[in-house]
Amino acid sequence: MLHVLLCDDDKLFLNRVKSRVEAFLSSQGEEFEILAHTNPAHITDQELELCDLALLDVDLATPEDDGTALARRLRGFRQDAVLIFVTNYVEFAPAGYEVSAFRYVLKRDLEGIFNTYLSQALDRIRLAREVYPIWVDGKQVELPIKYLERLEIMGPPAPINIFRLEKCFGEKPARLSLHFVAFSQLCRKISTCAKPLESQ
C-alpha cells in the first residue's frame, strides 16, 4: 500500500492534484491511500509516519506552519519519503534543499511535467521496497537492496549462507561478516565482527 500525503490551502487546486495522482497511480496498478489536507496543523504524526510520497505547497496560508515546516516534520518521521513541492512561486525553490525535496513543480506546469515527476517518484519508492533474501544463522532475512553496497557470494549460487559487506574504516579496509540484521524506519543495526582484509 502506497501512502500519499497532499497539502495545499487552495482546496480547488488540492482536488486537481488529488485527481491527477489518483489517475496516475491507478494506471500504474498501485494500491494506494491519499490523504488531502488544506491545513498542515490537521496532519497527525501517524500520517507523517506512514507517508511514502508527499506533495506539499510551500506557501501555505499560515507562515508559521508553511510547507517547509511541514516537510521538516515529515523528515522527523520519514527520511526516505519522496517529497515534491508544488507551488506558484519559483523563489521558494531553494527551500527544498533544506528538506531534501525530490522535485519542485510550479502549479502552472501541473498539466505538463507533473506525470513525469510522479513516475520518477514511483520508481524511487519501488526501488526502496526491493529486497534481497539472505540466510543468517539458518533464518531467512530480507535485506533492502537500497542498503547494499557490495554483495559477495561464497560458494555455489544456491541459498546464500554468507553475506559480506566491505567498508573502509579510515585507512584500514575491513571485511565484515554479518551476524544480525535489524531494520526499522528510523534505525538500522548491523551486529558484526570485523578484521582487516588479508592481502590477496
N, C-alpha and C. Protein backbone atom coordinates (compact mmCIF):
# COMPACT_ATOMS: atom_id res chain seq x y z
N MET A 1 0.85 -1.20 0.00
CA MET A 1 0.00 0.00 0.00
C MET A 1 0.88 1.24 0.00
N LEU A 2 0.65 2.12 -0.96
CA LEU A 2 1.38 3.37 -1.06
C LEU A 2 0.59 4.47 -0.35
N HIS A 3 1.23 5.16 0.59
CA HIS A 3 0.56 6.22 1.34
C HIS A 3 1.02 7.58 0.81
N VAL A 4 0.05 8.36 0.34
CA VAL A 4 0.34 9.66 -0.27
C VAL A 4 -0.29 10.75 0.58
N LEU A 5 0.50 11.81 0.82
CA LEU A 5 0.02 12.95 1.60
C LEU A 5 0.04 14.20 0.72
N LEU A 6 -1.09 14.90 0.67
CA LEU A 6 -1.20 16.16 -0.08
C LEU A 6 -1.56 17.27 0.89
N CYS A 7 -0.96 18.45 0.68
CA CYS A 7 -1.34 19.60 1.50
C CYS A 7 -1.24 20.87 0.66
N ASP A 8 -2.36 21.56 0.53
CA ASP A 8 -2.42 22.83 -0.19
C ASP A 8 -3.61 23.60 0.36
N ASP A 9 -3.43 24.89 0.64
CA ASP A 9 -4.53 25.67 1.23
C ASP A 9 -5.56 26.10 0.19
N ASP A 10 -5.29 25.85 -1.08
CA ASP A 10 -6.25 26.11 -2.16
C ASP A 10 -7.01 24.80 -2.42
N LYS A 11 -8.23 24.72 -1.91
CA LYS A 11 -8.97 23.46 -1.98
C LYS A 11 -9.24 23.01 -3.41
N LEU A 12 -9.52 23.93 -4.30
CA LEU A 12 -9.78 23.56 -5.69
C LEU A 12 -8.53 22.96 -6.33
N PHE A 13 -7.39 23.59 -6.07
CA PHE A 13 -6.16 23.06 -6.64
C PHE A 13 -5.80 21.73 -5.98
N LEU A 14 -6.03 21.63 -4.69
CA LEU A 14 -5.77 20.37 -3.98
C LEU A 14 -6.55 19.22 -4.61
N ASN A 15 -7.81 19.47 -4.95
CA ASN A 15 -8.63 18.43 -5.58
C ASN A 15 -8.10 18.07 -6.97
N ARG A 16 -7.57 19.06 -7.69
CA ARG A 16 -6.97 18.79 -9.00
C ARG A 16 -5.75 17.88 -8.86
N VAL A 17 -4.91 18.20 -7.90
CA VAL A 17 -3.72 17.38 -7.67
C VAL A 17 -4.12 15.98 -7.26
N LYS A 18 -5.09 15.87 -6.37
CA LYS A 18 -5.54 14.56 -5.91
C LYS A 18 -6.05 13.72 -7.08
N SER A 19 -6.83 14.33 -7.97
CA SER A 19 -7.36 13.61 -9.13
C SER A 19 -6.23 13.15 -10.04
N ARG A 20 -5.23 13.99 -10.25
CA ARG A 20 -4.10 13.62 -11.11
C ARG A 20 -3.30 12.46 -10.51
N VAL A 21 -3.07 12.53 -9.21
CA VAL A 21 -2.30 11.47 -8.54
C VAL A 21 -3.08 10.16 -8.56
N GLU A 22 -4.39 10.23 -8.27
CA GLU A 22 -5.22 9.03 -8.31
C GLU A 22 -5.19 8.38 -9.69
N ALA A 23 -5.34 9.19 -10.73
CA ALA A 23 -5.35 8.66 -12.09
C ALA A 23 -4.01 8.02 -12.44
N PHE A 24 -2.93 8.68 -12.04
CA PHE A 24 -1.61 8.15 -12.37
C PHE A 24 -1.33 6.83 -11.65
N LEU A 25 -1.57 6.80 -10.34
CA LEU A 25 -1.27 5.60 -9.57
C LEU A 25 -2.16 4.43 -10.00
N SER A 26 -3.41 4.72 -10.34
CA SER A 26 -4.31 3.67 -10.83
C SER A 26 -3.78 3.09 -12.14
N SER A 27 -3.25 3.95 -13.01
CA SER A 27 -2.71 3.49 -14.29
C SER A 27 -1.46 2.64 -14.11
N GLN A 28 -0.80 2.78 -12.95
CA GLN A 28 0.41 2.01 -12.66
C GLN A 28 0.13 0.74 -11.87
N GLY A 29 -1.15 0.49 -11.58
CA GLY A 29 -1.52 -0.72 -10.85
C GLY A 29 -1.16 -0.69 -9.39
N GLU A 30 -1.01 0.48 -8.82
CA GLU A 30 -0.63 0.61 -7.41
C GLU A 30 -1.85 0.62 -6.50
N GLU A 31 -1.73 -0.04 -5.37
CA GLU A 31 -2.70 0.14 -4.30
C GLU A 31 -2.25 1.35 -3.50
N PHE A 32 -3.17 2.27 -3.22
CA PHE A 32 -2.74 3.50 -2.57
C PHE A 32 -3.84 4.09 -1.70
N GLU A 33 -3.41 4.95 -0.82
CA GLU A 33 -4.31 5.76 0.00
C GLU A 33 -3.82 7.18 -0.06
N ILE A 34 -4.71 8.12 -0.35
CA ILE A 34 -4.34 9.53 -0.44
C ILE A 34 -5.05 10.30 0.67
N LEU A 35 -4.26 11.02 1.44
CA LEU A 35 -4.80 11.92 2.46
C LEU A 35 -4.55 13.35 1.99
N ALA A 36 -5.62 14.14 1.90
CA ALA A 36 -5.51 15.51 1.39
C ALA A 36 -5.94 16.50 2.48
N HIS A 37 -5.08 17.47 2.74
CA HIS A 37 -5.34 18.45 3.79
C HIS A 37 -5.15 19.87 3.25
N THR A 38 -5.97 20.79 3.76
CA THR A 38 -5.78 22.20 3.45
C THR A 38 -5.06 22.93 4.59
N ASN A 39 -5.00 22.29 5.75
CA ASN A 39 -4.36 22.90 6.92
C ASN A 39 -3.31 21.94 7.47
N PRO A 40 -2.03 22.32 7.46
CA PRO A 40 -0.99 21.41 7.95
C PRO A 40 -1.13 21.06 9.42
N ALA A 41 -1.80 21.91 10.19
CA ALA A 41 -1.99 21.64 11.62
C ALA A 41 -2.87 20.41 11.84
N HIS A 42 -3.64 20.02 10.84
CA HIS A 42 -4.54 18.88 10.97
C HIS A 42 -3.85 17.55 10.63
N ILE A 43 -2.62 17.61 10.18
CA ILE A 43 -1.89 16.40 9.80
C ILE A 43 -1.28 15.77 11.05
N THR A 44 -1.60 14.52 11.29
CA THR A 44 -1.15 13.85 12.50
C THR A 44 0.24 13.25 12.32
N ASP A 45 0.88 12.96 13.44
CA ASP A 45 2.19 12.30 13.39
C ASP A 45 2.07 10.92 12.74
N GLN A 46 0.97 10.23 12.98
CA GLN A 46 0.78 8.90 12.39
C GLN A 46 0.73 9.00 10.86
N GLU A 47 0.06 10.02 10.35
CA GLU A 47 0.00 10.22 8.90
C GLU A 47 1.39 10.48 8.32
N LEU A 48 2.18 11.24 9.04
CA LEU A 48 3.55 11.51 8.58
C LEU A 48 4.40 10.25 8.63
N GLU A 49 4.21 9.44 9.65
CA GLU A 49 4.99 8.23 9.80
C GLU A 49 4.71 7.23 8.68
N LEU A 50 3.48 7.22 8.18
CA LEU A 50 3.10 6.30 7.12
C LEU A 50 3.43 6.82 5.73
N CYS A 51 3.71 8.10 5.61
CA CYS A 51 3.82 8.75 4.31
C CYS A 51 4.99 8.21 3.47
N ASP A 52 4.68 7.78 2.23
CA ASP A 52 5.70 7.37 1.26
C ASP A 52 5.98 8.49 0.26
N LEU A 53 4.94 9.24 -0.09
CA LEU A 53 5.04 10.31 -1.08
C LEU A 53 4.25 11.50 -0.59
N ALA A 54 4.90 12.68 -0.56
CA ALA A 54 4.24 13.90 -0.12
C ALA A 54 4.32 14.95 -1.22
N LEU A 55 3.19 15.57 -1.50
CA LEU A 55 3.14 16.70 -2.43
C LEU A 55 2.60 17.89 -1.65
N LEU A 56 3.48 18.84 -1.40
CA LEU A 56 3.16 19.94 -0.49
C LEU A 56 3.31 21.29 -1.17
N ASP A 57 2.38 22.18 -0.86
CA ASP A 57 2.53 23.58 -1.25
C ASP A 57 3.51 24.23 -0.28
N VAL A 58 4.43 25.02 -0.80
CA VAL A 58 5.40 25.69 0.08
C VAL A 58 4.75 26.87 0.77
N ASP A 59 4.01 27.66 0.02
CA ASP A 59 3.46 28.93 0.52
C ASP A 59 2.04 28.74 1.03
N LEU A 60 1.94 28.17 2.23
CA LEU A 60 0.64 27.96 2.84
C LEU A 60 0.17 29.23 3.55
N ALA A 61 -1.10 29.27 3.90
CA ALA A 61 -1.68 30.48 4.46
C ALA A 61 -1.13 30.84 5.83
N THR A 62 -0.60 29.86 6.54
CA THR A 62 -0.07 30.11 7.89
C THR A 62 1.46 30.10 7.83
N PRO A 63 2.11 31.26 7.83
CA PRO A 63 3.56 31.33 7.67
C PRO A 63 4.33 30.53 8.72
N GLU A 64 3.78 30.45 9.93
CA GLU A 64 4.49 29.73 10.99
C GLU A 64 4.42 28.22 10.78
N ASP A 65 3.56 27.77 9.88
CA ASP A 65 3.40 26.34 9.62
C ASP A 65 3.27 26.13 8.12
N ASP A 66 4.26 26.64 7.37
CA ASP A 66 4.21 26.56 5.91
C ASP A 66 4.67 25.18 5.43
N GLY A 67 4.77 25.03 4.12
CA GLY A 67 5.14 23.73 3.56
C GLY A 67 6.51 23.26 3.97
N THR A 68 7.44 24.19 4.12
CA THR A 68 8.80 23.81 4.54
C THR A 68 8.79 23.29 5.97
N ALA A 69 8.02 23.95 6.84
CA ALA A 69 7.91 23.49 8.23
C ALA A 69 7.26 22.10 8.28
N LEU A 70 6.26 21.89 7.43
CA LEU A 70 5.61 20.59 7.38
C LEU A 70 6.59 19.53 6.88
N ALA A 71 7.40 19.90 5.89
CA ALA A 71 8.41 18.96 5.37
C ALA A 71 9.42 18.59 6.46
N ARG A 72 9.78 19.54 7.29
CA ARG A 72 10.70 19.23 8.40
C ARG A 72 10.05 18.24 9.36
N ARG A 73 8.78 18.44 9.63
CA ARG A 73 8.06 17.47 10.48
C ARG A 73 8.08 16.09 9.85
N LEU A 74 7.82 16.04 8.56
CA LEU A 74 7.83 14.76 7.85
C LEU A 74 9.20 14.09 7.96
N ARG A 75 10.27 14.85 7.77
CA ARG A 75 11.61 14.27 7.83
C ARG A 75 11.93 13.74 9.22
N GLY A 76 11.27 14.25 10.24
CA GLY A 76 11.47 13.73 11.58
C GLY A 76 10.97 12.30 11.72
N PHE A 77 10.03 11.91 10.86
CA PHE A 77 9.49 10.55 10.89
C PHE A 77 9.99 9.69 9.73
N ARG A 78 10.12 10.29 8.55
CA ARG A 78 10.45 9.53 7.35
C ARG A 78 11.52 10.25 6.53
N GLN A 79 12.76 9.87 6.75
CA GLN A 79 13.84 10.41 5.93
C GLN A 79 13.74 9.92 4.49
N ASP A 80 13.10 8.77 4.29
CA ASP A 80 13.04 8.17 2.97
C ASP A 80 11.81 8.54 2.17
N ALA A 81 10.89 9.29 2.74
CA ALA A 81 9.69 9.70 1.99
C ALA A 81 10.10 10.58 0.81
N VAL A 82 9.43 10.38 -0.32
CA VAL A 82 9.70 11.20 -1.50
C VAL A 82 8.86 12.46 -1.42
N LEU A 83 9.52 13.60 -1.49
CA LEU A 83 8.88 14.90 -1.27
C LEU A 83 8.91 15.72 -2.55
N ILE A 84 7.73 16.16 -2.99
CA ILE A 84 7.61 17.05 -4.14
C ILE A 84 6.90 18.31 -3.69
N PHE A 85 7.54 19.45 -3.90
CA PHE A 85 6.90 20.73 -3.60
C PHE A 85 6.13 21.20 -4.84
N VAL A 86 4.91 21.65 -4.63
CA VAL A 86 4.07 22.17 -5.70
C VAL A 86 3.63 23.57 -5.28
N THR A 87 4.02 24.60 -6.04
CA THR A 87 3.72 25.96 -5.61
C THR A 87 3.67 26.91 -6.80
N ASN A 88 3.27 28.13 -6.52
CA ASN A 88 3.18 29.16 -7.56
C ASN A 88 4.47 29.93 -7.76
N TYR A 89 5.36 29.87 -6.79
CA TYR A 89 6.48 30.81 -6.76
C TYR A 89 7.82 30.11 -6.87
N VAL A 90 8.55 30.43 -7.93
CA VAL A 90 9.85 29.81 -8.16
C VAL A 90 10.86 30.22 -7.09
N GLU A 91 10.67 31.37 -6.47
CA GLU A 91 11.64 31.83 -5.47
C GLU A 91 11.67 30.95 -4.22
N PHE A 92 10.67 30.07 -4.07
CA PHE A 92 10.67 29.16 -2.93
C PHE A 92 11.50 27.90 -3.18
N ALA A 93 11.98 27.74 -4.40
CA ALA A 93 12.72 26.52 -4.74
C ALA A 93 13.89 26.21 -3.82
N PRO A 94 14.72 27.21 -3.44
CA PRO A 94 15.86 26.88 -2.56
C PRO A 94 15.46 26.24 -1.23
N ALA A 95 14.23 26.49 -0.78
CA ALA A 95 13.78 25.90 0.49
C ALA A 95 13.75 24.38 0.39
N GLY A 96 13.58 23.86 -0.81
CA GLY A 96 13.53 22.41 -0.98
C GLY A 96 14.81 21.71 -0.62
N TYR A 97 15.94 22.39 -0.81
CA TYR A 97 17.23 21.77 -0.49
C TYR A 97 17.37 21.49 1.00
N GLU A 98 16.72 22.31 1.82
CA GLU A 98 16.84 22.15 3.27
C GLU A 98 16.19 20.86 3.76
N VAL A 99 15.23 20.37 3.01
CA VAL A 99 14.48 19.19 3.45
C VAL A 99 14.58 18.04 2.44
N SER A 100 15.59 18.09 1.58
CA SER A 100 15.85 17.04 0.60
C SER A 100 14.64 16.75 -0.28
N ALA A 101 14.07 17.82 -0.85
CA ALA A 101 12.95 17.64 -1.77
C ALA A 101 13.42 16.92 -3.03
N PHE A 102 12.59 16.04 -3.54
CA PHE A 102 12.91 15.26 -4.73
C PHE A 102 12.72 16.10 -6.00
N ARG A 103 11.62 16.84 -6.05
CA ARG A 103 11.33 17.70 -7.19
C ARG A 103 10.58 18.95 -6.72
N TYR A 104 10.54 19.93 -7.61
CA TYR A 104 9.86 21.19 -7.35
C TYR A 104 9.04 21.50 -8.59
N VAL A 105 7.73 21.64 -8.44
CA VAL A 105 6.84 21.84 -9.58
C VAL A 105 6.06 23.13 -9.41
N LEU A 106 6.07 23.96 -10.45
CA LEU A 106 5.21 25.14 -10.45
C LEU A 106 3.79 24.71 -10.78
N LYS A 107 2.83 25.32 -10.13
CA LYS A 107 1.43 24.92 -10.31
C LYS A 107 0.99 25.06 -11.77
N ARG A 108 1.55 26.02 -12.46
CA ARG A 108 1.16 26.20 -13.86
C ARG A 108 1.64 25.03 -14.75
N ASP A 109 2.58 24.23 -14.23
CA ASP A 109 3.10 23.09 -15.00
C ASP A 109 2.41 21.78 -14.66
N LEU A 110 1.31 21.86 -13.93
CA LEU A 110 0.64 20.64 -13.49
C LEU A 110 0.23 19.75 -14.66
N GLU A 111 -0.13 20.37 -15.78
CA GLU A 111 -0.55 19.60 -16.94
C GLU A 111 0.63 19.15 -17.79
N GLY A 112 1.83 19.62 -17.45
CA GLY A 112 2.98 19.29 -18.26
C GLY A 112 3.83 18.18 -17.68
N ILE A 113 4.85 18.58 -16.91
CA ILE A 113 5.87 17.63 -16.46
C ILE A 113 5.45 16.85 -15.21
N PHE A 114 4.29 17.13 -14.68
CA PHE A 114 3.86 16.54 -13.41
C PHE A 114 3.88 15.02 -13.43
N ASN A 115 3.31 14.41 -14.49
CA ASN A 115 3.27 12.95 -14.54
C ASN A 115 4.67 12.35 -14.64
N THR A 116 5.58 13.05 -15.31
CA THR A 116 6.97 12.59 -15.37
C THR A 116 7.57 12.54 -13.99
N TYR A 117 7.34 13.56 -13.20
CA TYR A 117 7.87 13.60 -11.83
C TYR A 117 7.23 12.52 -10.97
N LEU A 118 5.93 12.29 -11.16
CA LEU A 118 5.27 11.22 -10.41
C LEU A 118 5.86 9.87 -10.77
N SER A 119 6.15 9.67 -12.05
CA SER A 119 6.75 8.40 -12.48
C SER A 119 8.13 8.21 -11.87
N GLN A 120 8.93 9.28 -11.84
CA GLN A 120 10.25 9.20 -11.23
C GLN A 120 10.15 8.93 -9.73
N ALA A 121 9.20 9.56 -9.09
CA ALA A 121 9.00 9.35 -7.65
C ALA A 121 8.60 7.91 -7.37
N LEU A 122 7.70 7.37 -8.19
CA LEU A 122 7.26 5.99 -8.00
C LEU A 122 8.40 5.01 -8.22
N ASP A 123 9.26 5.29 -9.20
CA ASP A 123 10.44 4.44 -9.42
C ASP A 123 11.32 4.39 -8.18
N ARG A 124 11.51 5.55 -7.56
CA ARG A 124 12.36 5.61 -6.35
C ARG A 124 11.72 4.83 -5.21
N ILE A 125 10.43 4.97 -5.05
CA ILE A 125 9.73 4.25 -3.98
C ILE A 125 9.79 2.75 -4.20
N ARG A 126 9.59 2.32 -5.45
CA ARG A 126 9.64 0.89 -5.75
C ARG A 126 11.03 0.31 -5.51
N LEU A 127 12.05 1.07 -5.87
CA LEU A 127 13.42 0.62 -5.63
C LEU A 127 13.67 0.43 -4.14
N ALA A 128 13.17 1.35 -3.34
CA ALA A 128 13.36 1.26 -1.89
C ALA A 128 12.66 0.05 -1.30
N ARG A 129 11.63 -0.46 -1.99
CA ARG A 129 10.88 -1.62 -1.49
C ARG A 129 11.58 -2.94 -1.82
N GLU A 130 12.46 -2.95 -2.82
CA GLU A 130 13.07 -4.20 -3.26
C GLU A 130 13.97 -4.78 -2.18
N VAL A 131 13.89 -6.09 -2.04
CA VAL A 131 14.69 -6.77 -1.02
C VAL A 131 15.45 -7.92 -1.65
N TYR A 132 16.53 -8.33 -0.97
CA TYR A 132 17.34 -9.48 -1.40
C TYR A 132 17.34 -10.48 -0.26
N PRO A 133 16.82 -11.69 -0.49
CA PRO A 133 16.76 -12.67 0.60
C PRO A 133 18.15 -13.27 0.88
N ILE A 134 18.51 -13.30 2.14
CA ILE A 134 19.77 -13.93 2.55
C ILE A 134 19.48 -14.84 3.74
N TRP A 135 20.44 -15.73 4.03
CA TRP A 135 20.30 -16.64 5.16
C TRP A 135 21.31 -16.26 6.23
N VAL A 136 20.82 -16.03 7.44
CA VAL A 136 21.68 -15.68 8.56
C VAL A 136 21.34 -16.61 9.71
N ASP A 137 22.33 -17.41 10.13
CA ASP A 137 22.12 -18.35 11.23
C ASP A 137 20.88 -19.22 11.02
N GLY A 138 20.72 -19.70 9.78
CA GLY A 138 19.62 -20.59 9.48
C GLY A 138 18.27 -19.94 9.27
N LYS A 139 18.22 -18.61 9.33
CA LYS A 139 16.96 -17.91 9.15
C LYS A 139 17.05 -17.00 7.93
N GLN A 140 15.96 -16.93 7.16
CA GLN A 140 15.94 -16.06 6.00
C GLN A 140 15.63 -14.63 6.44
N VAL A 141 16.43 -13.69 5.95
CA VAL A 141 16.25 -12.27 6.23
C VAL A 141 16.12 -11.55 4.90
N GLU A 142 15.15 -10.65 4.78
CA GLU A 142 15.00 -9.86 3.57
C GLU A 142 15.71 -8.52 3.77
N LEU A 143 16.81 -8.35 3.07
CA LEU A 143 17.62 -7.15 3.21
C LEU A 143 17.26 -6.15 2.11
N PRO A 144 16.83 -4.93 2.47
CA PRO A 144 16.51 -3.94 1.44
C PRO A 144 17.70 -3.66 0.53
N ILE A 145 17.48 -3.74 -0.78
CA ILE A 145 18.55 -3.54 -1.74
C ILE A 145 19.17 -2.16 -1.60
N LYS A 146 18.38 -1.17 -1.20
CA LYS A 146 18.92 0.19 -1.13
C LYS A 146 20.05 0.30 -0.11
N TYR A 147 20.17 -0.67 0.81
CA TYR A 147 21.23 -0.60 1.79
C TYR A 147 22.48 -1.38 1.37
N LEU A 148 22.41 -2.07 0.23
CA LEU A 148 23.56 -2.86 -0.21
C LEU A 148 24.59 -1.98 -0.90
N GLU A 149 25.84 -2.18 -0.55
CA GLU A 149 26.93 -1.54 -1.27
C GLU A 149 27.68 -2.55 -2.12
N ARG A 150 27.86 -3.75 -1.57
CA ARG A 150 28.52 -4.82 -2.33
C ARG A 150 28.04 -6.15 -1.78
N LEU A 151 27.74 -7.07 -2.65
CA LEU A 151 27.32 -8.40 -2.25
C LEU A 151 28.35 -9.39 -2.75
N GLU A 152 28.90 -10.16 -1.83
CA GLU A 152 29.90 -11.17 -2.19
C GLU A 152 29.32 -12.54 -1.86
N ILE A 153 29.15 -13.38 -2.87
CA ILE A 153 28.56 -14.69 -2.68
C ILE A 153 29.69 -15.72 -2.64
N MET A 154 29.74 -16.49 -1.57
CA MET A 154 30.75 -17.52 -1.43
C MET A 154 30.11 -18.87 -1.76
N GLY A 155 30.74 -19.64 -2.64
CA GLY A 155 30.22 -20.95 -2.97
C GLY A 155 29.23 -20.91 -4.11
N PRO A 156 28.47 -22.00 -4.29
CA PRO A 156 27.53 -22.10 -5.41
C PRO A 156 26.39 -21.11 -5.26
N PRO A 157 25.69 -20.82 -6.36
CA PRO A 157 24.60 -19.85 -6.31
C PRO A 157 23.32 -20.41 -5.71
N ALA A 158 23.43 -21.29 -4.72
CA ALA A 158 22.29 -21.85 -4.01
C ALA A 158 21.91 -20.88 -2.90
N PRO A 159 21.21 -21.34 -1.82
CA PRO A 159 20.89 -20.36 -0.77
C PRO A 159 22.16 -19.67 -0.26
N ILE A 160 22.08 -18.38 -0.10
CA ILE A 160 23.26 -17.61 0.30
C ILE A 160 23.43 -17.75 1.80
N ASN A 161 24.53 -18.36 2.21
CA ASN A 161 24.80 -18.58 3.63
C ASN A 161 25.76 -17.55 4.21
N ILE A 162 26.51 -16.92 3.36
CA ILE A 162 27.48 -15.93 3.84
C ILE A 162 27.21 -14.62 3.13
N PHE A 163 27.03 -13.60 3.91
CA PHE A 163 26.80 -12.28 3.36
C PHE A 163 27.86 -11.36 3.92
N ARG A 164 28.57 -10.66 3.03
CA ARG A 164 29.66 -9.81 3.49
C ARG A 164 29.54 -8.41 2.92
N LEU A 165 29.81 -7.48 3.75
CA LEU A 165 29.90 -6.09 3.34
C LEU A 165 31.33 -5.64 3.50
N GLU A 166 31.84 -4.93 2.53
CA GLU A 166 33.16 -4.36 2.66
C GLU A 166 33.03 -2.86 2.81
N LYS A 167 33.63 -2.35 3.85
CA LYS A 167 33.63 -0.91 4.09
C LYS A 167 35.05 -0.49 4.43
N CYS A 168 35.26 0.79 4.41
CA CYS A 168 36.59 1.31 4.72
C CYS A 168 36.53 2.09 6.03
N PHE A 169 37.30 1.65 6.99
CA PHE A 169 37.39 2.33 8.27
C PHE A 169 38.70 3.11 8.29
N GLY A 170 38.64 4.40 7.97
CA GLY A 170 39.86 5.18 7.87
C GLY A 170 40.73 4.63 6.77
N GLU A 171 41.96 4.27 7.11
CA GLU A 171 42.90 3.73 6.14
C GLU A 171 42.84 2.21 6.10
N LYS A 172 42.05 1.61 7.00
CA LYS A 172 42.06 0.15 7.12
C LYS A 172 40.77 -0.44 6.59
N PRO A 173 40.82 -1.04 5.38
CA PRO A 173 39.63 -1.74 4.92
C PRO A 173 39.34 -2.93 5.81
N ALA A 174 38.08 -3.24 6.01
CA ALA A 174 37.73 -4.38 6.87
C ALA A 174 36.68 -5.22 6.17
N ARG A 175 36.72 -6.52 6.44
CA ARG A 175 35.70 -7.42 5.92
C ARG A 175 34.76 -7.73 7.08
N LEU A 176 33.49 -7.51 6.84
CA LEU A 176 32.51 -7.68 7.89
C LEU A 176 31.65 -8.91 7.61
N SER A 177 31.60 -9.83 8.56
CA SER A 177 30.72 -10.99 8.44
C SER A 177 29.44 -10.68 9.19
N LEU A 178 28.35 -10.75 8.48
CA LEU A 178 27.08 -10.33 9.06
C LEU A 178 26.52 -11.42 9.97
N HIS A 179 26.14 -11.05 11.20
CA HIS A 179 25.54 -11.99 12.13
C HIS A 179 24.08 -11.65 12.43
N PHE A 180 23.75 -10.39 12.34
CA PHE A 180 22.40 -9.99 12.73
C PHE A 180 22.01 -8.74 11.98
N VAL A 181 20.81 -8.72 11.46
CA VAL A 181 20.33 -7.55 10.74
C VAL A 181 18.97 -7.15 11.29
N ALA A 182 18.82 -5.93 11.68
CA ALA A 182 17.53 -5.42 12.13
C ALA A 182 17.30 -4.07 11.49
N PHE A 183 16.19 -3.92 10.81
CA PHE A 183 15.88 -2.66 10.15
C PHE A 183 14.55 -2.13 10.67
N SER A 184 14.46 -0.83 10.81
CA SER A 184 13.19 -0.19 11.08
C SER A 184 13.20 1.10 10.27
N GLN A 185 12.14 1.87 10.36
CA GLN A 185 12.07 3.10 9.58
C GLN A 185 13.07 4.14 10.07
N LEU A 186 13.43 4.06 11.33
CA LEU A 186 14.29 5.10 11.88
C LEU A 186 15.70 4.64 12.19
N CYS A 187 15.95 3.34 12.25
CA CYS A 187 17.31 2.90 12.58
C CYS A 187 17.60 1.57 11.93
N ARG A 188 18.88 1.34 11.66
CA ARG A 188 19.33 0.07 11.15
C ARG A 188 20.50 -0.37 12.02
N LYS A 189 20.47 -1.60 12.48
CA LYS A 189 21.55 -2.11 13.31
C LYS A 189 22.17 -3.31 12.62
N ILE A 190 23.46 -3.30 12.54
CA ILE A 190 24.17 -4.46 12.00
C ILE A 190 25.20 -4.88 13.03
N SER A 191 25.03 -6.09 13.58
CA SER A 191 25.97 -6.61 14.54
C SER A 191 27.02 -7.43 13.77
N THR A 192 28.27 -7.07 13.89
CA THR A 192 29.30 -7.68 13.07
C THR A 192 30.54 -7.99 13.88
N CYS A 193 31.38 -8.85 13.32
CA CYS A 193 32.74 -8.95 13.78
C CYS A 193 33.61 -8.55 12.60
N ALA A 194 34.63 -7.79 12.83
CA ALA A 194 35.42 -7.22 11.73
C ALA A 194 36.89 -7.50 11.93
N LYS A 195 37.59 -7.68 10.83
CA LYS A 195 39.03 -7.82 10.86
C LYS A 195 39.59 -7.20 9.58
N PRO A 196 40.85 -6.72 9.60
CA PRO A 196 41.42 -6.15 8.38
C PRO A 196 41.48 -7.20 7.28
N LEU A 197 41.26 -6.76 6.05
CA LEU A 197 41.36 -7.66 4.91
C LEU A 197 42.78 -8.17 4.77
N GLU A 198 42.92 -9.45 4.56
CA GLU A 198 44.24 -10.03 4.35
C GLU A 198 44.67 -9.78 2.92
N SER A 199 45.96 -9.68 2.69
CA SER A 199 46.47 -9.46 1.36
C SER A 199 46.10 -10.66 0.49
N GLN A 200 45.62 -10.31 -0.70
CA GLN A 200 45.23 -11.39 -1.62
C GLN A 200 46.46 -11.93 -2.33
